[in-house]
Amino acid sequence: MSKLVLLGYAGLITYASVRPMDSAPLEPWDKVGHLAIYAIFALLARRAVPPLKKYTYLCIAIFIYSGVLETVQSQLPGRAMSEYDLLANGIGIAIGFYISKKIFNGQHI
């Protein structure tokens, strides 16, 4: 079930990342949103893939995927690639990783 939730969340992020935008996002709330969304993504990944080594690789894959989505945005009308969005995504993943280690340290989830 946790893997289905993770895949569903990934689908929502993908949809939100490639849909047309009517207006520019409000700064800095856009970056806070990226951070929170990707922190949640990392926490959901921990539930889906409990072994720490696999989880670490999955977090790296999530970051790479966020970079792919940013690159795709550069080709879409009304969207733009942002290195700062990618940075906020990475920080969010790192925060989610840290929180998951504190919460689930040594526990089978």
C-alpha atoms as a PDB file:
ATOM      1  CA  MET A   1       0.000   0.000   0.000  1.00  0.00           C
ATOM      2  CA  SER A   2       2.829   2.409   0.850  1.00  0.00           C
ATOM      3  CA  LYS A   3       4.298   1.948  -2.625  1.00  0.00           C
ATOM      4  CA  LEU A   4       0.952   2.793  -4.230  1.00  0.00           C
ATOM      5  CA  VAL A   5       0.692   5.944  -2.122  1.00  0.00           C
ATOM      6  CA  LEU A   6       4.228   6.910  -3.171  1.00  0.00           C
ATOM      7  CA  LEU A   7       3.440   6.339  -6.855  1.00  0.00           C
ATOM      8  CA  GLY A   8       0.216   8.330  -6.541  1.00  0.00           C
ATOM      9  CA  TYR A   9       2.077  11.198  -4.894  1.00  0.00           C
ATOM     10  CA  ALA A  10       4.709  11.085  -7.648  1.00  0.00           C
ATOM     11  CA  GLY A  11       1.886  11.297 -10.176  1.00  0.00           C
ATOM     12  CA  LEU A  12       0.434  14.359  -8.450  1.00  0.00           C
ATOM     13  CA  ILE A  13       3.836  16.060  -8.438  1.00  0.00           C
ATOM     14  CA  THR A  14       4.294  15.238 -12.114  1.00  0.00           C
ATOM     15  CA  TYR A  15       0.875  16.629 -13.003  1.00  0.00           C
ATOM     16  CA  ALA A  16       1.425  19.801 -10.973  1.00  0.00           C
ATOM     17  CA  SER A  17       4.850  20.267 -12.566  1.00  0.00           C
ATOM     18  CA  VAL A  18       3.749  19.987 -16.201  1.00  0.00           C
ATOM     19  CA  ARG A  19       0.316  21.596 -16.197  1.00  0.00           C
ATOM     20  CA  PRO A  20       0.069  25.087 -17.701  1.00  0.00           C
ATOM     21  CA  MET A  21       0.371  28.012 -15.286  1.00  0.00           C
ATOM     22  CA  ASP A  22      -1.900  31.036 -15.507  1.00  0.00           C
ATOM     23  CA  SER A  23       0.289  33.313 -13.410  1.00  0.00           C
ATOM     24  CA  ALA A  24       3.734  33.437 -11.874  1.00  0.00           C
ATOM     25  CA  PRO A  25       4.026  31.877  -8.397  1.00  0.00           C
ATOM     26  CA  LEU A  26       4.466  34.190  -5.437  1.00  0.00           C
ATOM     27  CA  GLU A  27       8.020  34.250  -4.124  1.00  0.00           C
ATOM     28  CA  PRO A  28       9.241  33.035  -1.598  1.00  0.00           C
ATOM     29  CA  TRP A  29       6.147  30.882  -1.002  1.00  0.00           C
ATOM     30  CA  ASP A  30       6.852  28.958  -4.182  1.00  0.00           C
ATOM     31  CA  LYS A  31      10.181  27.771  -2.756  1.00  0.00           C
ATOM     32  CA  VAL A  32       8.600  26.924   0.604  1.00  0.00           C
ATOM     33  CA  GLY A  33       6.043  24.871  -1.304  1.00  0.00           C
ATOM     34  CA  HIS A  34       8.773  22.999  -3.185  1.00  0.00           C
ATOM     35  CA  LEU A  35      10.588  22.304   0.067  1.00  0.00           C
ATOM     36  CA  ALA A  36       7.465  20.983   1.815  1.00  0.00           C
ATOM     37  CA  ILE A  37       6.267  18.917  -1.150  1.00  0.00           C
ATOM     38  CA  TYR A  38       9.619  17.168  -1.539  1.00  0.00           C
ATOM     39  CA  ALA A  39      10.060  16.655   2.219  1.00  0.00           C
ATOM     40  CA  ILE A  40       6.727  14.817   2.182  1.00  0.00           C
ATOM     41  CA  PHE A  41       7.870  12.889  -0.913  1.00  0.00           C
ATOM     42  CA  ALA A  42      10.982  11.723   0.979  1.00  0.00           C
ATOM     43  CA  LEU A  43       8.933  10.720   4.028  1.00  0.00           C
ATOM     44  CA  LEU A  44       6.527   8.712   1.878  1.00  0.00           C
ATOM     45  CA  ALA A  45       9.518   7.048   0.224  1.00  0.00           C
ATOM     46  CA  ARG A  46      10.749   5.920   3.641  1.00  0.00           C
ATOM     47  CA  ARG A  47       7.443   4.182   4.294  1.00  0.00           C
ATOM     48  CA  ALA A  48       7.579   2.506   0.876  1.00  0.00           C
ATOM     49  CA  VAL A  49      11.221   1.360   1.051  1.00  0.00           C
ATOM     50  CA  PRO A  50      12.266   0.691   4.665  1.00  0.00           C
ATOM     51  CA  PRO A  51      15.898  -0.498   4.243  1.00  0.00           C
ATOM     52  CA  LEU A  52      18.081   2.589   4.712  1.00  0.00           C
ATOM     53  CA  LYS A  53      20.413   1.822   1.801  1.00  0.00           C
ATOM     54  CA  LYS A  54      17.531   1.429  -0.661  1.00  0.00           C
ATOM     55  CA  TYR A  55      15.860   4.511   0.803  1.00  0.00           C
ATOM     56  CA  THR A  56      19.022   6.553   0.286  1.00  0.00           C
ATOM     57  CA  TYR A  57      19.118   5.544  -3.381  1.00  0.00           C
ATOM     58  CA  LEU A  58      15.424   6.320  -3.739  1.00  0.00           C
ATOM     59  CA  CYS A  59      15.966   9.833  -2.334  1.00  0.00           C
ATOM     60  CA  ILE A  60      18.743  10.372  -4.883  1.00  0.00           C
ATOM     61  CA  ALA A  61      16.379   9.148  -7.614  1.00  0.00           C
ATOM     62  CA  ILE A  62      13.669  11.544  -6.404  1.00  0.00           C
ATOM     63  CA  PHE A  63      16.131  14.440  -6.651  1.00  0.00           C
ATOM     64  CA  ILE A  64      17.143  13.394 -10.176  1.00  0.00           C
ATOM     65  CA  TYR A  65      13.458  13.109 -11.106  1.00  0.00           C
ATOM     66  CA  SER A  66      12.841  16.628  -9.788  1.00  0.00           C
ATOM     67  CA  GLY A  67      15.649  17.810 -12.078  1.00  0.00           C
ATOM     68  CA  VAL A  68      14.037  16.040 -15.029  1.00  0.00           C
ATOM     69  CA  LEU A  69      10.727  17.756 -14.238  1.00  0.00           C
ATOM     70  CA  GLU A  70      12.474  21.142 -14.065  1.00  0.00           C
ATOM     71  CA  THR A  71      14.080  20.465 -17.452  1.00  0.00           C
ATOM     72  CA  VAL A  72      10.720  19.484 -18.957  1.00  0.00           C
ATOM     73  CA  GLN A  73       9.244  22.733 -17.617  1.00  0.00           C
ATOM     74  CA  SER A  74      11.770  24.689 -19.694  1.00  0.00           C
ATOM     75  CA  GLN A  75      10.037  23.325 -22.810  1.00  0.00           C
ATOM     76  CA  LEU A  76       6.460  24.066 -21.733  1.00  0.00           C
ATOM     77  CA  PRO A  77       4.572  27.291 -22.477  1.00  0.00           C
ATOM     78  CA  GLY A  78       4.075  29.400 -19.375  1.00  0.00           C
ATOM     79  CA  ARG A  79       6.625  27.379 -17.387  1.00  0.00           C
ATOM     80  CA  ALA A  80      10.325  27.935 -16.768  1.00  0.00           C
ATOM     81  CA  MET A  81      13.191  25.922 -15.377  1.00  0.00           C
ATOM     82  CA  SER A  82      14.504  27.215 -12.061  1.00  0.00           C
ATOM     83  CA  GLU A  83      17.716  26.227 -10.356  1.00  0.00           C
ATOM     84  CA  TYR A  84      16.271  27.644  -7.145  1.00  0.00           C
ATOM     85  CA  ASP A  85      13.291  25.294  -7.398  1.00  0.00           C
ATOM     86  CA  LEU A  86      15.720  22.398  -7.813  1.00  0.00           C
ATOM     87  CA  LEU A  87      17.673  23.612  -4.782  1.00  0.00           C
ATOM     88  CA  ALA A  88      14.464  23.846  -2.722  1.00  0.00           C
ATOM     89  CA  ASN A  89      13.527  20.325  -3.866  1.00  0.00           C
ATOM     90  CA  GLY A  90      16.909  19.009  -2.722  1.00  0.00           C
ATOM     91  CA  ILE A  91      16.666  20.744   0.638  1.00  0.00           C
ATOM     92  CA  GLY A  92      13.160  19.338   1.102  1.00  0.00           C
ATOM     93  CA  ILE A  93      14.390  15.823   0.326  1.00  0.00           C
ATOM     94  CA  ALA A  94      17.270  16.261   2.787  1.00  0.00           C
ATOM     95  CA  ILE A  95      14.871  17.459   5.493  1.00  0.00           C
ATOM     96  CA  GLY A  96      12.533  14.525   4.847  1.00  0.00           C
ATOM     97  CA  PHE A  97      15.506  12.142   4.953  1.00  0.00           C
ATOM     98  CA  TYR A  98      16.703  13.618   8.262  1.00  0.00           C
ATOM     99  CA  ILE A  99      13.245  13.504   9.833  1.00  0.00           C
ATOM    100  CA  SER A 100      12.713   9.922   8.698  1.00  0.00           C
ATOM    101  CA  LYS A 101      16.015   8.851  10.235  1.00  0.00           C
ATOM    102  CA  LYS A 102      15.025  10.466  13.542  1.00  0.00           C
ATOM    103  CA  ILE A 103      11.536   8.975  13.537  1.00  0.00           C
ATOM    104  CA  PHE A 104      12.296   5.525  12.166  1.00  0.00           C
ATOM    105  CA  ASN A 105      15.869   5.006  13.399  1.00  0.00           C
ATOM    106  CA  GLY A 106      16.342   1.271  13.650  1.00  0.00           C
ATOM    107  CA  GLN A 107      12.630   0.556  13.488  1.00  0.00           C
ATOM    108  CA  HIS A 108      10.932  -1.617  10.941  1.00  0.00           C
ATOM    109  CA  ILE A 109       8.093   0.451   9.512  1.00  0.00           C
END
